[in-house]
């Protein structure tokens, strides 16, 4: 009976409404029969000790935050770019590509709003193929161009890259200025072991030190810094409109220009994101009217739609086009490079970033050939595509039809005189030529 009463007493304690929660009651259950002062101490003690337990953790957190704010801006370690190399197999002759032709892949937009840009790149590459085939290649082979369309849903570009590598047996692949296409191509090329030569200005394609990627032209960082020097230092302007396409390349490039403005302690540019129909809205004109200069970070098709509207609002303000926006073609739809001199404050004009290059016989011959064939000046994109084929052909004459040996030859390219600039690659695959601001037509 006593035992039964004891069980009932314990049950009453557990279900008592005086306890706030079941878990708290269960914790105090073993001390139900303790003397009252001891039980009271057990109830009060946690609330007395808790502040002293939390205080050390709070102090440690404050110290960590303070250290994070005061840490140096430079990283404590960096990747050695001089150590980027390929130490794998497939350099021996047994892995050489067969056949009488050596195929170069070309991934460009052949449909959609950037079709004109893609056709211009293809035409320029075909011109370079014709020129290089007039000079013998190893084994009496000839160059051939395999062109595929990058336009379409996500993943289309990578599928086309796979087709070029395995079906067309391309020894290397050239991609357009689109950063997304370049990233997809290098992901496949790095796994298969195929050199990728891209016209993209996205420096993140070479930041992780993959040995199979090479990039022509200035980076977004180089362009942004050149624009900032010309606008804020040389021209002494302060109010800048920044027209940004809402895609990967637009966001990355515009962020670099905003960073370049901060580095020279200039006011933040007025960012205007270009969406569908934005260039025709009154809000677009109202915000743009305050600018003294305009920087355009879009593709060429979008830039062409913006140019007339910007000029109607700001007829005398200088316009700066990123390389992707200035991708010219041989049909005259986009700006062409007509003045190779450095910028100054001598007028509004349309400007872009370019590698330093004086007029040369190679450049003159290319411009003349484009005029004869297409009736207009070649654009920047056409010049780069032409140079990409010429760089690959010169490297193939050293390496033969081997993807791995071609990669080694490309890594050694230095001071190559192209029609788009002097081309030199660092060990990470970046074109390290000096960047200046040049005037377009």
Protein backbone atom coordinates (compact mmCIF):
# COMPACT_ATOMS: atom_id res chain seq x y z
CA UNK A 1 0.00 0.00 0.00
CA UNK A 2 2.80 2.34 0.88
CA UNK A 3 4.47 1.51 -2.36
CA UNK A 4 1.28 2.30 -4.23
CA UNK A 5 0.91 5.64 -2.51
CA UNK A 6 4.50 6.54 -3.38
CA UNK A 7 3.89 5.89 -7.06
CA UNK A 8 0.76 7.99 -6.94
CA UNK A 9 2.67 10.83 -5.25
CA UNK A 10 5.32 10.79 -7.93
CA UNK A 11 2.70 10.80 -10.66
CA UNK A 12 1.04 13.79 -9.05
CA UNK A 13 4.31 15.70 -9.11
CA UNK A 14 4.83 15.07 -12.81
CA UNK A 15 1.33 16.16 -13.79
CA UNK A 16 1.16 19.12 -11.43
CA UNK A 17 0.02 22.36 -13.12
CA UNK A 18 2.59 24.25 -11.07
CA UNK A 19 5.35 22.93 -13.40
CA UNK A 20 5.89 25.00 -16.57
CA UNK A 21 6.94 22.15 -18.91
CA UNK A 22 7.15 18.38 -18.81
CA UNK A 23 10.90 18.40 -19.53
CA UNK A 24 11.61 20.70 -16.58
CA UNK A 25 9.60 18.46 -14.24
CA UNK A 26 11.48 15.38 -15.41
CA UNK A 27 14.79 17.04 -14.70
CA UNK A 28 13.72 17.94 -11.14
CA UNK A 29 12.04 14.57 -10.48
CA UNK A 30 15.07 12.92 -8.78
CA UNK A 31 15.14 15.80 -6.28
CA UNK A 32 11.46 15.68 -5.37
CA UNK A 33 12.23 14.38 -1.89
CA UNK A 34 15.19 16.71 -1.27
CA UNK A 35 15.05 19.18 1.57
CA UNK A 36 13.38 22.46 0.61
CA UNK A 37 16.50 24.72 0.67
CA UNK A 38 18.45 22.32 -1.55
CA UNK A 39 15.57 22.00 -4.01
CA UNK A 40 15.22 25.78 -4.12
CA UNK A 41 18.95 26.15 -4.84
CA UNK A 42 18.73 23.72 -7.73
CA UNK A 43 15.90 25.76 -9.21
CA UNK A 44 17.63 29.13 -8.85
CA UNK A 45 21.26 28.16 -9.53
CA UNK A 46 21.02 27.85 -13.35
CA UNK A 47 19.73 31.41 -13.65
CA UNK A 48 22.59 32.70 -11.53
CA UNK A 49 25.33 30.82 -13.36
CA UNK A 50 24.00 31.31 -16.91
CA UNK A 51 25.30 34.90 -17.40
CA UNK A 52 28.81 33.86 -16.41
CA UNK A 53 28.71 30.99 -18.94
CA UNK A 54 27.48 33.19 -21.78
CA UNK A 55 29.84 36.11 -21.12
CA UNK A 56 33.06 34.39 -22.36
CA UNK A 57 31.36 33.36 -25.60
CA UNK A 58 30.07 36.90 -26.16
CA UNK A 59 33.56 38.34 -25.63
CA UNK A 60 35.06 35.80 -28.03
CA UNK A 61 32.48 36.70 -30.69
CA UNK A 62 33.22 40.42 -30.34
CA UNK A 63 36.94 39.74 -30.70
CA UNK A 64 36.38 37.70 -33.84
CA UNK A 65 34.28 40.47 -35.41
CA UNK A 66 36.91 43.07 -34.52
CA UNK A 67 39.66 40.94 -36.05
CA UNK A 68 37.65 40.46 -39.24
CA UNK A 69 37.23 44.24 -39.58
CA UNK A 70 40.91 44.95 -39.00
CA UNK A 71 42.41 42.13 -41.08
CA UNK A 72 44.57 43.18 -44.04
CA UNK A 73 42.97 43.55 -47.47
CA UNK A 74 45.57 41.33 -49.14
CA UNK A 75 45.04 37.55 -48.82
CA UNK A 76 47.42 35.58 -46.62
CA UNK A 77 48.13 33.24 -49.54
CA UNK A 78 47.77 33.22 -53.33
CA UNK A 79 47.95 30.62 -56.07
CA UNK A 80 51.22 30.67 -57.99
CA UNK A 81 50.14 31.33 -61.56
CA UNK A 82 53.60 30.48 -62.86
CA UNK A 83 53.01 26.91 -61.74
CA UNK A 84 50.00 26.34 -64.04
CA UNK A 85 50.89 23.49 -66.37
CA UNK A 86 49.66 20.20 -67.74
CA UNK A 87 51.63 17.17 -66.59
CA UNK A 88 49.36 14.52 -68.03
CA UNK A 89 49.78 12.13 -70.98
CA UNK A 90 48.83 12.20 -74.71
CA UNK A 91 51.83 14.11 -75.99
CA UNK A 92 53.30 11.21 -77.95
CA UNK A 93 52.55 10.70 -81.64
CA UNK A 94 50.20 7.79 -80.97
CA UNK A 95 47.57 10.28 -79.76
CA UNK A 96 47.83 12.63 -82.77
CA UNK A 97 44.57 13.34 -84.59
CA UNK A 98 44.39 11.63 -87.97
CA UNK A 99 43.17 12.76 -91.37
CA UNK A 100 44.30 15.23 -93.97
CA UNK A 101 42.48 18.12 -92.27
CA UNK A 102 43.00 19.66 -88.85
CA UNK A 103 39.66 20.93 -87.55
CA UNK A 104 39.24 24.06 -85.44
CA UNK A 105 35.94 24.38 -83.60
CA UNK A 106 34.11 27.72 -83.54
CA UNK A 107 31.26 28.23 -81.02
CA UNK A 108 29.32 31.43 -81.84
CA UNK A 109 25.72 32.73 -81.82
CA UNK A 110 24.20 31.89 -85.21
CA UNK A 111 20.55 32.57 -84.31
CA UNK A 112 18.71 35.10 -82.18
CA UNK A 113 19.56 38.77 -81.51
CA UNK A 114 23.35 38.15 -81.67
CA UNK A 115 23.24 36.39 -85.04
CA UNK A 116 25.00 39.24 -86.88
CA UNK A 117 27.85 39.08 -84.35
CA UNK A 118 28.20 35.32 -84.80
CA UNK A 119 28.20 35.55 -88.59
CA UNK A 120 30.91 38.22 -88.44
CA UNK A 121 33.09 35.96 -86.28
CA UNK A 122 32.55 33.05 -88.66
CA UNK A 123 33.42 35.14 -91.73
CA UNK A 124 36.61 36.44 -90.12
CA UNK A 125 37.64 32.93 -89.04
CA UNK A 126 37.05 31.62 -92.57
CA UNK A 127 39.24 34.41 -93.97
CA UNK A 128 42.03 33.40 -91.60
CA UNK A 129 41.62 29.72 -92.55
CA UNK A 130 42.03 30.62 -96.23
CA UNK A 131 45.15 32.65 -95.49
CA UNK A 132 46.77 29.99 -93.28
CA UNK A 133 46.06 27.20 -95.78
CA UNK A 134 48.24 29.05 -98.27
CA UNK A 135 51.14 28.15 -95.95
CA UNK A 136 51.97 24.50 -95.37
CA UNK A 137 51.05 22.80 -92.10
CA UNK A 138 52.79 19.71 -90.64
CA UNK A 139 52.35 16.63 -92.85
CA UNK A 140 50.84 18.65 -95.69
CA UNK A 141 47.52 18.96 -93.82
CA UNK A 142 45.00 21.77 -94.17
CA UNK A 143 42.91 23.64 -91.66
CA UNK A 144 39.12 23.24 -91.63
CA UNK A 145 36.51 25.12 -89.58
CA UNK A 146 33.69 23.39 -87.69
CA UNK A 147 31.15 26.06 -86.67
CA UNK A 148 28.33 25.39 -84.21
CA UNK A 149 25.62 27.53 -82.63
CA UNK A 150 25.86 28.46 -78.93
CA UNK A 151 22.34 29.96 -78.87
CA UNK A 152 19.58 28.07 -77.11
CA UNK A 153 18.57 26.77 -73.68
CA UNK A 154 21.12 26.25 -70.90
CA UNK A 155 23.36 23.32 -71.76
CA UNK A 156 23.08 23.75 -75.53
CA UNK A 157 26.58 25.20 -75.76
CA UNK A 158 28.15 22.32 -73.80
CA UNK A 159 26.41 19.79 -76.07
CA UNK A 160 27.79 21.54 -79.14
CA UNK A 161 31.26 21.54 -77.59
CA UNK A 162 31.04 17.78 -77.06
CA UNK A 163 30.02 17.29 -80.71
CA UNK A 164 32.98 19.35 -81.90
CA UNK A 165 35.41 17.42 -79.72
CA UNK A 166 34.24 13.89 -80.50
CA UNK A 167 32.40 14.04 -83.82
CA UNK A 168 34.34 16.80 -85.57
CA UNK A 169 37.62 15.84 -83.82
CA UNK A 170 38.51 19.52 -83.32
CA UNK A 171 42.07 20.04 -82.10
CA UNK A 172 40.97 23.25 -80.32
CA UNK A 173 37.81 25.35 -79.88
CA UNK A 174 37.29 29.10 -80.22
CA UNK A 175 34.36 30.64 -78.31
CA UNK A 176 32.64 34.00 -78.64
CA UNK A 177 32.67 36.88 -76.16
CA UNK A 178 29.89 35.26 -74.10
CA UNK A 179 31.24 34.35 -70.67
CA UNK A 180 28.64 31.63 -70.09
CA UNK A 181 29.64 29.80 -73.27
CA UNK A 182 33.31 30.08 -72.30
CA UNK A 183 32.68 28.53 -68.88
CA UNK A 184 30.74 25.62 -70.37
CA UNK A 185 33.41 25.01 -73.00
CA UNK A 186 36.28 24.97 -70.51
CA UNK A 187 34.43 22.58 -68.21
CA UNK A 188 34.28 20.03 -71.02
CA UNK A 189 37.68 20.89 -72.47
CA UNK A 190 39.41 20.50 -69.13
CA UNK A 191 37.99 16.99 -68.67
CA UNK A 192 38.66 15.80 -72.22
CA UNK A 193 41.94 17.63 -72.71
CA UNK A 194 41.15 20.11 -75.51
CA UNK A 195 42.49 23.70 -75.64
CA UNK A 196 39.85 26.45 -75.44
CA UNK A 197 40.64 29.88 -76.89
CA UNK A 198 37.93 32.34 -75.87
CA UNK A 199 37.14 35.94 -76.77
CA UNK A 200 35.38 36.43 -73.41
CA UNK A 201 36.59 39.20 -71.12
CA UNK A 202 35.43 37.29 -68.02
CA UNK A 203 38.58 36.81 -65.92
CA UNK A 204 36.88 34.14 -63.79
CA UNK A 205 37.44 31.70 -66.67
CA UNK A 206 41.16 31.70 -65.79
CA UNK A 207 41.05 32.39 -62.05
CA UNK A 208 41.12 28.74 -60.97
CA UNK A 209 44.23 27.99 -63.02
CA UNK A 210 42.96 25.39 -65.48
CA UNK A 211 45.69 24.53 -68.00
CA UNK A 212 43.37 24.25 -71.05
CA UNK A 213 41.89 27.78 -71.23
CA UNK A 214 43.40 30.77 -73.05
CA UNK A 215 41.70 34.16 -73.29
CA UNK A 216 42.20 36.90 -75.91
CA UNK A 217 41.73 40.58 -75.19
CA UNK A 218 41.51 42.68 -72.01
CA UNK A 219 39.66 41.46 -68.92
CA UNK A 220 36.66 43.20 -67.37
CA UNK A 221 39.05 44.52 -64.72
CA UNK A 222 41.39 46.02 -67.32
CA UNK A 223 38.53 47.62 -69.22
CA UNK A 224 36.94 49.06 -66.09
CA UNK A 225 40.20 50.60 -64.90
CA UNK A 226 40.92 52.08 -68.34
CA UNK A 227 37.44 53.63 -68.50
CA UNK A 228 37.72 54.99 -64.96
CA UNK A 229 41.10 56.63 -65.70
CA UNK A 230 39.78 58.26 -68.84
CA UNK A 231 36.51 59.47 -67.31
CA UNK A 232 37.50 60.53 -63.80
CA UNK A 233 41.19 61.43 -64.20
CA UNK A 234 41.63 62.64 -67.79
CA UNK A 235 38.22 64.20 -68.44
CA UNK A 236 37.50 65.20 -64.81
CA UNK A 237 33.88 64.01 -65.04
CA UNK A 238 31.87 62.92 -62.01
CA UNK A 239 28.35 61.88 -63.02
CA UNK A 240 28.44 58.63 -64.97
CA UNK A 241 25.51 56.55 -66.19
CA UNK A 242 26.17 52.79 -66.13
CA UNK A 243 23.88 50.79 -68.45
CA UNK A 244 23.94 47.14 -67.43
CA UNK A 245 22.47 44.08 -69.08
CA UNK A 246 20.85 41.73 -66.58
CA UNK A 247 23.02 38.69 -67.26
CA UNK A 248 26.28 37.16 -66.01
CA UNK A 249 28.62 39.28 -68.14
CA UNK A 250 26.72 42.50 -67.43
CA UNK A 251 26.75 41.98 -63.68
CA UNK A 252 30.42 40.97 -63.48
CA UNK A 253 31.65 43.79 -65.72
CA UNK A 254 29.56 46.53 -64.12
CA UNK A 255 30.71 45.51 -60.65
CA UNK A 256 34.31 45.89 -61.81
CA UNK A 257 33.60 49.41 -63.07
CA UNK A 258 31.94 50.37 -59.78
CA UNK A 259 34.99 49.02 -57.97
CA UNK A 260 37.32 51.01 -60.26
CA UNK A 261 35.32 54.17 -59.48
CA UNK A 262 35.69 53.57 -55.74
CA UNK A 263 39.44 53.05 -56.10
CA UNK A 264 39.84 56.56 -57.55
CA UNK A 265 37.45 58.00 -54.89
CA UNK A 266 34.85 58.97 -57.50
CA UNK A 267 31.07 59.11 -56.91
CA UNK A 268 29.27 55.84 -57.51
CA UNK A 269 27.95 55.62 -61.08
CA UNK A 270 24.20 55.69 -61.69
CA UNK A 271 23.42 52.05 -62.44
CA UNK A 272 20.52 51.46 -64.84
CA UNK A 273 19.64 47.81 -65.45
CA UNK A 274 18.45 47.24 -69.00
CA UNK A 275 15.44 44.95 -69.19
CA UNK A 276 12.88 44.35 -71.95
CA UNK A 277 11.69 47.72 -73.27
CA UNK A 278 13.77 49.69 -70.77
CA UNK A 279 15.55 51.67 -73.48
CA UNK A 280 12.18 53.07 -74.62
CA UNK A 281 10.86 54.17 -71.23
CA UNK A 282 10.63 57.73 -69.94
CA UNK A 283 12.27 56.66 -66.68
CA UNK A 284 15.33 55.62 -68.68
CA UNK A 285 15.64 59.08 -70.24
CA UNK A 286 15.01 60.85 -66.95
CA UNK A 287 17.79 59.03 -65.09
CA UNK A 288 20.19 59.24 -68.02
CA UNK A 289 19.78 62.98 -68.48
CA UNK A 290 21.89 63.70 -65.38
CA UNK A 291 24.97 61.85 -66.69
CA UNK A 292 28.10 63.50 -68.08
CA UNK A 293 29.35 60.21 -69.56
CA UNK A 294 27.81 56.78 -70.20
CA UNK A 295 29.36 53.33 -69.80
CA UNK A 296 27.55 50.48 -71.59
CA UNK A 297 28.06 46.91 -70.30
CA UNK A 298 25.79 44.85 -72.55
CA UNK A 299 26.11 42.64 -75.61
CA UNK A 300 26.40 44.18 -79.08
CA UNK A 301 22.75 43.67 -80.02
CA UNK A 302 21.51 45.49 -76.90
CA UNK A 303 24.12 48.22 -77.31
CA UNK A 304 22.93 48.89 -80.86
CA UNK A 305 19.38 49.40 -79.57
CA UNK A 306 20.61 51.77 -76.86
CA UNK A 307 22.91 53.96 -78.93
CA UNK A 308 20.32 56.11 -80.71
CA UNK A 309 18.30 56.67 -77.53
CA UNK A 310 21.37 57.62 -75.51
CA UNK A 311 22.50 60.04 -78.20
CA UNK A 312 19.07 61.69 -78.32
CA UNK A 313 19.30 62.40 -74.58
CA UNK A 314 23.06 63.14 -74.36
CA UNK A 315 24.28 64.24 -77.79
CA UNK A 316 27.71 65.40 -76.58
CA UNK A 317 28.53 62.96 -73.78
CA UNK A 318 31.30 60.41 -74.37
CA UNK A 319 30.07 56.79 -74.58
CA UNK A 320 32.19 53.85 -73.41
CA UNK A 321 31.38 50.39 -74.74
CA UNK A 322 32.72 47.25 -73.10
CA UNK A 323 34.34 44.80 -75.51
CA UNK A 324 31.24 42.63 -75.72
CA UNK A 325 29.12 45.67 -76.58
CA UNK A 326 31.68 46.76 -79.18
CA UNK A 327 31.81 43.38 -80.93
CA UNK A 328 31.68 44.69 -84.48
CA UNK A 329 30.76 42.80 -87.60
CA UNK A 330 31.56 43.11 -91.29
CA UNK A 331 28.08 44.29 -92.20
CA UNK A 332 28.32 47.66 -90.48
CA UNK A 333 25.71 46.99 -87.78
CA UNK A 334 28.10 47.75 -84.93
CA UNK A 335 30.86 50.31 -84.33
CA UNK A 336 34.13 49.76 -86.11
CA UNK A 337 37.57 50.80 -85.04
CA UNK A 338 38.83 53.72 -87.13
CA UNK A 339 41.15 55.60 -84.79
CA UNK A 340 44.00 53.77 -83.10
CA UNK A 341 45.18 56.77 -81.10
CA UNK A 342 44.78 57.16 -77.36
CA UNK A 343 41.80 58.95 -75.85
CA UNK A 344 41.69 62.48 -74.63
CA UNK A 345 39.10 65.12 -73.91
CA UNK A 346 38.91 66.19 -77.55
CA UNK A 347 35.26 65.36 -78.13
CA UNK A 348 32.45 63.01 -77.22
CA UNK A 349 32.77 60.03 -79.49
CA UNK A 350 32.34 56.33 -78.78
CA UNK A 351 35.19 54.61 -77.01
CA UNK A 352 36.25 51.12 -76.02
CA UNK A 353 39.21 49.38 -74.38
CA UNK A 354 41.91 47.93 -76.61
CA UNK A 355 45.42 46.57 -76.53
CA UNK A 356 48.17 48.94 -77.57
CA UNK A 357 49.03 48.49 -81.24
CA UNK A 358 50.39 50.87 -83.83
CA UNK A 359 49.26 50.59 -87.45
CA UNK A 360 50.92 47.58 -89.06
CA UNK A 361 51.04 45.83 -92.43
CA UNK A 362 49.13 42.86 -90.99
CA UNK A 363 46.37 45.13 -89.75
CA UNK A 364 46.18 47.09 -92.99
CA UNK A 365 45.92 43.88 -95.03
CA UNK A 366 43.10 42.58 -92.85
CA UNK A 367 41.11 45.82 -93.08
CA UNK A 368 41.58 45.92 -96.84
CA UNK A 369 40.47 42.30 -97.23
CA UNK A 370 37.31 42.94 -95.19
CA UNK A 371 36.48 46.02 -97.22
CA UNK A 372 36.83 44.10 -100.47
CA UNK A 373 34.76 41.14 -99.32
CA UNK A 374 32.09 42.82 -97.17
CA UNK A 375 32.22 46.46 -98.18
CA UNK A 376 32.80 47.85 -94.68
CA UNK A 377 35.29 48.14 -91.86
CA UNK A 378 35.92 45.04 -89.72
CA UNK A 379 34.83 45.19 -86.09
CA UNK A 380 36.69 44.24 -82.94
CA UNK A 381 35.09 40.81 -82.74
CA UNK A 382 36.05 40.00 -86.32
CA UNK A 383 39.65 41.04 -85.64
CA UNK A 384 39.81 38.80 -82.58
CA UNK A 385 38.33 35.78 -84.36
CA UNK A 386 40.83 36.29 -87.18
CA UNK A 387 43.69 36.44 -84.67
CA UNK A 388 42.43 33.36 -82.81
CA UNK A 389 42.75 31.24 -85.95
CA UNK A 390 46.18 32.70 -86.75
CA UNK A 391 47.48 32.04 -83.22
CA UNK A 392 46.26 28.45 -83.36
CA UNK A 393 47.76 27.92 -86.82
CA UNK A 394 51.15 29.27 -85.72
CA UNK A 395 51.07 27.03 -82.65
CA UNK A 396 50.02 23.98 -84.71
CA UNK A 397 53.08 24.42 -86.91
CA UNK A 398 55.13 23.81 -83.78
CA UNK A 399 53.00 21.11 -82.17
CA UNK A 400 51.45 19.13 -85.00
CA UNK A 401 47.91 17.68 -84.70
CA UNK A 402 48.16 16.97 -80.97
CA UNK A 403 45.84 18.60 -78.44
CA UNK A 404 48.30 18.28 -75.56
CA UNK A 405 51.29 19.57 -77.52
CA UNK A 406 49.13 22.38 -78.93
CA UNK A 407 48.30 23.40 -75.35
CA UNK A 408 52.03 23.58 -74.60
CA UNK A 409 52.66 25.71 -77.70
CA UNK A 410 49.84 28.12 -76.82
CA UNK A 411 51.26 28.55 -73.32
CA UNK A 412 54.46 29.86 -74.90
CA UNK A 413 52.82 32.46 -77.20
CA UNK A 414 54.49 35.82 -76.64
CA UNK A 415 54.48 39.10 -78.58
CA UNK A 416 52.37 37.68 -81.42
CA UNK A 417 51.47 40.54 -83.77
CA UNK A 418 47.73 40.29 -84.33
CA UNK A 419 45.32 42.66 -86.01
CA UNK A 420 43.55 43.16 -82.65
CA UNK A 421 46.74 43.77 -80.66
CA UNK A 422 49.99 42.22 -79.49
CA UNK A 423 49.11 38.83 -77.97
CA UNK A 424 51.06 37.34 -75.06
CA UNK A 425 49.72 34.71 -72.66
CA UNK A 426 50.71 34.35 -69.03
CA UNK A 427 50.86 30.90 -67.43
CA UNK A 428 47.17 31.09 -66.49
CA UNK A 429 46.14 31.74 -70.10
CA UNK A 430 45.45 35.49 -69.85
CA UNK A 431 46.34 37.93 -72.59
CA UNK A 432 48.63 40.32 -70.70
CA UNK A 433 48.89 43.09 -73.29
CA UNK A 434 48.61 46.67 -72.02
CA UNK A 435 45.10 48.15 -72.23
CA UNK A 436 44.26 51.68 -73.34
CA UNK A 437 41.08 53.50 -74.43
CA UNK A 438 40.55 53.85 -78.18
CA UNK A 439 38.00 55.72 -80.24
CA UNK A 440 35.43 53.98 -82.42
CA UNK A 441 33.66 55.53 -85.37
